[in-house]
């Protein structure tokens, strides 16, 4: 851990922060796990919860009463777990919209494999129809799995603009009926 932040912290800051973390960390982790997050996502959500709590102007006064602190931390954690669950389900939907799963050998029929390949071709054709900027956002976000913040930074856009472009791209992919012209019969 870097010691620089400790030098700039108000007197006693680390002691009360350490006390609240040690007092409530295990309970909060268990709560996040109970809400359906895996171990890594639970730890991330709890860390985000403490970071959000510490940004509150009244955090130090709330921390004096352990019960009040736990209640506030639990409310913040509930929001973080809901956001994490929503993000995970969105990622799953996005993967399904632009990905063809490879079947284990011999378990799926050739018709199903052909149908999946045709769907992949349709999605690819629909992506090619998008405007350049929207196509770049889709490629970076959905196919390369880059976080929205990084996509915005790479393309020099706001995160809100990236979010709008992704939303419009998903709608385009849902309703696009692209078919390749095959005149080579």
Protein backbone atom coordinates (compact mmCIF):
# COMPACT_ATOMS: atom_id res chain seq x y z
CA UNK A 1 0.00 0.00 0.00
CA UNK A 2 1.24 3.47 -0.78
CA UNK A 3 1.99 5.51 2.33
CA UNK A 4 1.40 8.88 0.65
CA UNK A 5 -2.39 8.95 1.26
CA UNK A 6 -1.84 8.21 4.96
CA UNK A 7 0.35 11.32 5.27
CA UNK A 8 -2.46 13.52 3.90
CA UNK A 9 -5.26 11.88 5.87
CA UNK A 10 -6.82 13.80 8.77
CA UNK A 11 -5.61 12.71 12.23
CA UNK A 12 -7.32 9.51 13.31
CA UNK A 13 -8.72 8.92 9.83
CA UNK A 14 -7.11 5.54 9.30
CA UNK A 15 -8.06 4.26 12.73
CA UNK A 16 -11.81 4.81 12.35
CA UNK A 17 -11.79 3.63 8.73
CA UNK A 18 -9.88 0.51 9.72
CA UNK A 19 -12.29 -0.13 12.60
CA UNK A 20 -15.38 0.13 10.40
CA UNK A 21 -13.88 -2.09 7.70
CA UNK A 22 -12.87 -4.78 10.19
CA UNK A 23 -16.22 -4.59 12.00
CA UNK A 24 -18.42 -5.00 8.92
CA UNK A 25 -16.40 -6.53 6.08
CA UNK A 26 -17.31 -10.18 6.74
CA UNK A 27 -21.03 -9.44 7.09
CA UNK A 28 -21.06 -7.36 3.92
CA UNK A 29 -19.22 -10.04 1.95
CA UNK A 30 -21.72 -12.65 3.12
CA UNK A 31 -24.59 -10.33 2.14
CA UNK A 32 -23.14 -9.83 -1.36
CA UNK A 33 -22.69 -13.59 -1.79
CA UNK A 34 -26.26 -14.16 -0.64
CA UNK A 35 -27.42 -11.67 -3.28
CA UNK A 36 -25.90 -13.88 -5.99
CA UNK A 37 -22.44 -12.44 -6.61
CA UNK A 38 -19.42 -14.70 -6.89
CA UNK A 39 -16.46 -14.24 -4.54
CA UNK A 40 -14.57 -11.79 -6.76
CA UNK A 41 -17.62 -9.66 -7.60
CA UNK A 42 -18.61 -9.68 -3.91
CA UNK A 43 -15.23 -8.35 -2.90
CA UNK A 44 -15.39 -5.66 -5.59
CA UNK A 45 -18.90 -4.64 -4.49
CA UNK A 46 -17.86 -4.42 -0.83
CA UNK A 47 -14.79 -2.35 -1.71
CA UNK A 48 -16.96 -0.04 -3.81
CA UNK A 49 -19.38 0.18 -0.87
CA UNK A 50 -16.68 1.31 1.54
CA UNK A 51 -15.36 3.80 -1.02
CA UNK A 52 -18.86 5.23 -1.53
CA UNK A 53 -19.46 5.36 2.22
CA UNK A 54 -16.21 7.23 2.85
CA UNK A 55 -17.19 9.87 0.30
CA UNK A 56 -20.26 10.78 2.34
CA UNK A 57 -19.74 14.02 4.30
CA UNK A 58 -21.38 12.46 7.36
CA UNK A 59 -19.51 9.14 7.15
CA UNK A 60 -17.39 9.72 10.24
CA UNK A 61 -20.38 10.60 12.41
CA UNK A 62 -22.38 7.62 11.09
CA UNK A 63 -19.41 5.34 11.76
CA UNK A 64 -19.55 6.19 15.48
CA UNK A 65 -22.71 4.09 15.82
CA UNK A 66 -21.93 0.58 14.56
CA UNK A 67 -25.59 -0.27 13.90
CA UNK A 68 -26.18 2.89 11.87
CA UNK A 69 -22.96 2.32 9.94
CA UNK A 70 -23.96 -1.26 9.12
CA UNK A 71 -27.41 -0.12 7.96
CA UNK A 72 -25.94 2.55 5.69
CA UNK A 73 -23.26 0.21 4.35
CA UNK A 74 -25.90 -2.45 3.65
CA UNK A 75 -28.05 -0.01 1.69
CA UNK A 76 -25.06 1.11 -0.37
CA UNK A 77 -24.01 -2.51 -0.91
CA UNK A 78 -27.52 -3.46 -2.02
CA UNK A 79 -27.27 -0.85 -4.77
CA UNK A 80 -23.80 -2.03 -5.77
CA UNK A 81 -24.95 -5.68 -5.94
CA UNK A 82 -27.98 -4.72 -8.01
CA UNK A 83 -25.73 -2.80 -10.41
CA UNK A 84 -23.26 -5.69 -10.63
CA UNK A 85 -26.07 -8.16 -11.31
CA UNK A 86 -27.53 -5.88 -13.99
CA UNK A 87 -24.14 -5.46 -15.64
CA UNK A 88 -23.53 -9.21 -15.61
CA UNK A 89 -26.91 -9.91 -17.21
CA UNK A 90 -26.32 -7.21 -19.83
CA UNK A 91 -22.93 -8.74 -20.67
CA UNK A 92 -24.58 -12.14 -21.09
CA UNK A 93 -27.22 -10.69 -23.43
CA UNK A 94 -24.58 -8.84 -25.46
CA UNK A 95 -22.49 -11.96 -25.83
CA UNK A 96 -25.52 -13.90 -27.00
CA UNK A 97 -26.42 -11.20 -29.54
CA UNK A 98 -23.07 -11.23 -31.27
CA UNK A 99 -21.60 -14.65 -30.70
CA UNK A 100 -22.02 -18.10 -32.12
CA UNK A 101 -21.22 -20.80 -29.61
CA UNK A 102 -19.12 -23.68 -30.77
CA UNK A 103 -20.85 -26.97 -30.10
CA UNK A 104 -19.16 -29.91 -28.43
CA UNK A 105 -18.35 -32.45 -31.11
CA UNK A 106 -21.25 -34.68 -32.05
CA UNK A 107 -23.83 -33.13 -29.71
CA UNK A 108 -25.53 -30.72 -32.10
CA UNK A 109 -26.97 -31.38 -35.49
CA UNK A 110 -25.49 -29.93 -38.64
CA UNK A 111 -28.74 -28.00 -39.19
CA UNK A 112 -28.29 -26.23 -35.86
CA UNK A 113 -24.66 -25.43 -36.64
CA UNK A 114 -25.68 -24.03 -40.04
CA UNK A 115 -28.42 -21.95 -38.42
CA UNK A 116 -25.91 -20.53 -35.95
CA UNK A 117 -23.45 -19.77 -38.73
CA UNK A 118 -26.22 -18.02 -40.69
CA UNK A 119 -27.09 -15.96 -37.60
CA UNK A 120 -23.44 -15.00 -37.20
CA UNK A 121 -23.39 -13.97 -40.87
CA UNK A 122 -26.54 -11.90 -40.36
CA UNK A 123 -25.07 -10.14 -37.32
CA UNK A 124 -21.79 -9.52 -39.15
CA UNK A 125 -23.64 -8.07 -42.15
CA UNK A 126 -25.73 -5.86 -39.86
CA UNK A 127 -22.59 -4.61 -38.12
CA UNK A 128 -21.09 -3.75 -41.52
CA UNK A 129 -24.19 -1.62 -42.28
CA UNK A 130 -23.61 0.55 -39.19
CA UNK A 131 -21.93 3.93 -39.34
CA UNK A 132 -18.16 3.81 -38.77
CA UNK A 133 -18.26 5.25 -35.22
CA UNK A 134 -21.09 2.96 -34.12
CA UNK A 135 -19.28 -0.03 -35.66
CA UNK A 136 -16.08 0.86 -33.77
CA UNK A 137 -18.00 1.12 -30.49
CA UNK A 138 -19.61 -2.28 -31.12
CA UNK A 139 -16.33 -3.91 -32.04
CA UNK A 140 -14.52 -2.55 -28.98
CA UNK A 141 -17.36 -2.99 -26.47
CA UNK A 142 -19.13 -6.17 -27.46
CA UNK A 143 -16.57 -8.14 -29.42
CA UNK A 144 -13.33 -7.05 -27.75
CA UNK A 145 -15.08 -6.76 -24.34
CA UNK A 146 -13.50 -3.41 -23.50
CA UNK A 147 -15.09 -1.49 -20.62
CA UNK A 148 -17.26 1.45 -21.64
CA UNK A 149 -14.87 3.92 -19.98
CA UNK A 150 -11.94 2.65 -22.04
CA UNK A 151 -13.97 2.71 -25.28
CA UNK A 152 -14.94 6.32 -24.56
CA UNK A 153 -11.32 7.22 -23.91
CA UNK A 154 -10.02 5.44 -27.02
CA UNK A 155 -12.58 7.07 -29.30
CA UNK A 156 -12.46 10.41 -27.48
CA UNK A 157 -16.18 10.32 -26.67
CA UNK A 158 -18.16 10.76 -23.48
CA UNK A 159 -19.31 7.61 -21.72
CA UNK A 160 -22.89 8.74 -22.26
CA UNK A 161 -22.34 8.97 -26.01
CA UNK A 162 -20.81 5.47 -26.02
CA UNK A 163 -23.83 4.19 -24.06
CA UNK A 164 -26.23 5.74 -26.58
CA UNK A 165 -24.30 4.30 -29.54
CA UNK A 166 -24.32 0.84 -27.96
CA UNK A 167 -28.04 1.04 -27.25
CA UNK A 168 -28.78 2.02 -30.84
CA UNK A 169 -26.45 -0.69 -32.14
CA UNK A 170 -28.22 -3.37 -30.09
CA UNK A 171 -31.58 -2.19 -31.40
CA UNK A 172 -30.19 -2.25 -34.92
CA UNK A 173 -28.92 -5.82 -34.44
CA UNK A 174 -32.26 -6.99 -33.02
CA UNK A 175 -34.27 -5.65 -35.96
CA UNK A 176 -31.81 -5.93 -38.84
CA UNK A 177 -32.75 -8.49 -41.47
CA UNK A 178 -29.50 -8.57 -43.41
CA UNK A 179 -29.11 -11.34 -45.98
CA UNK A 180 -26.08 -11.89 -48.15
CA UNK A 181 -26.72 -11.70 -51.89
CA UNK A 182 -25.56 -15.04 -53.21
CA UNK A 183 -25.61 -14.88 -57.01
CA UNK A 184 -23.09 -17.71 -57.37
CA UNK A 185 -25.64 -20.57 -57.53
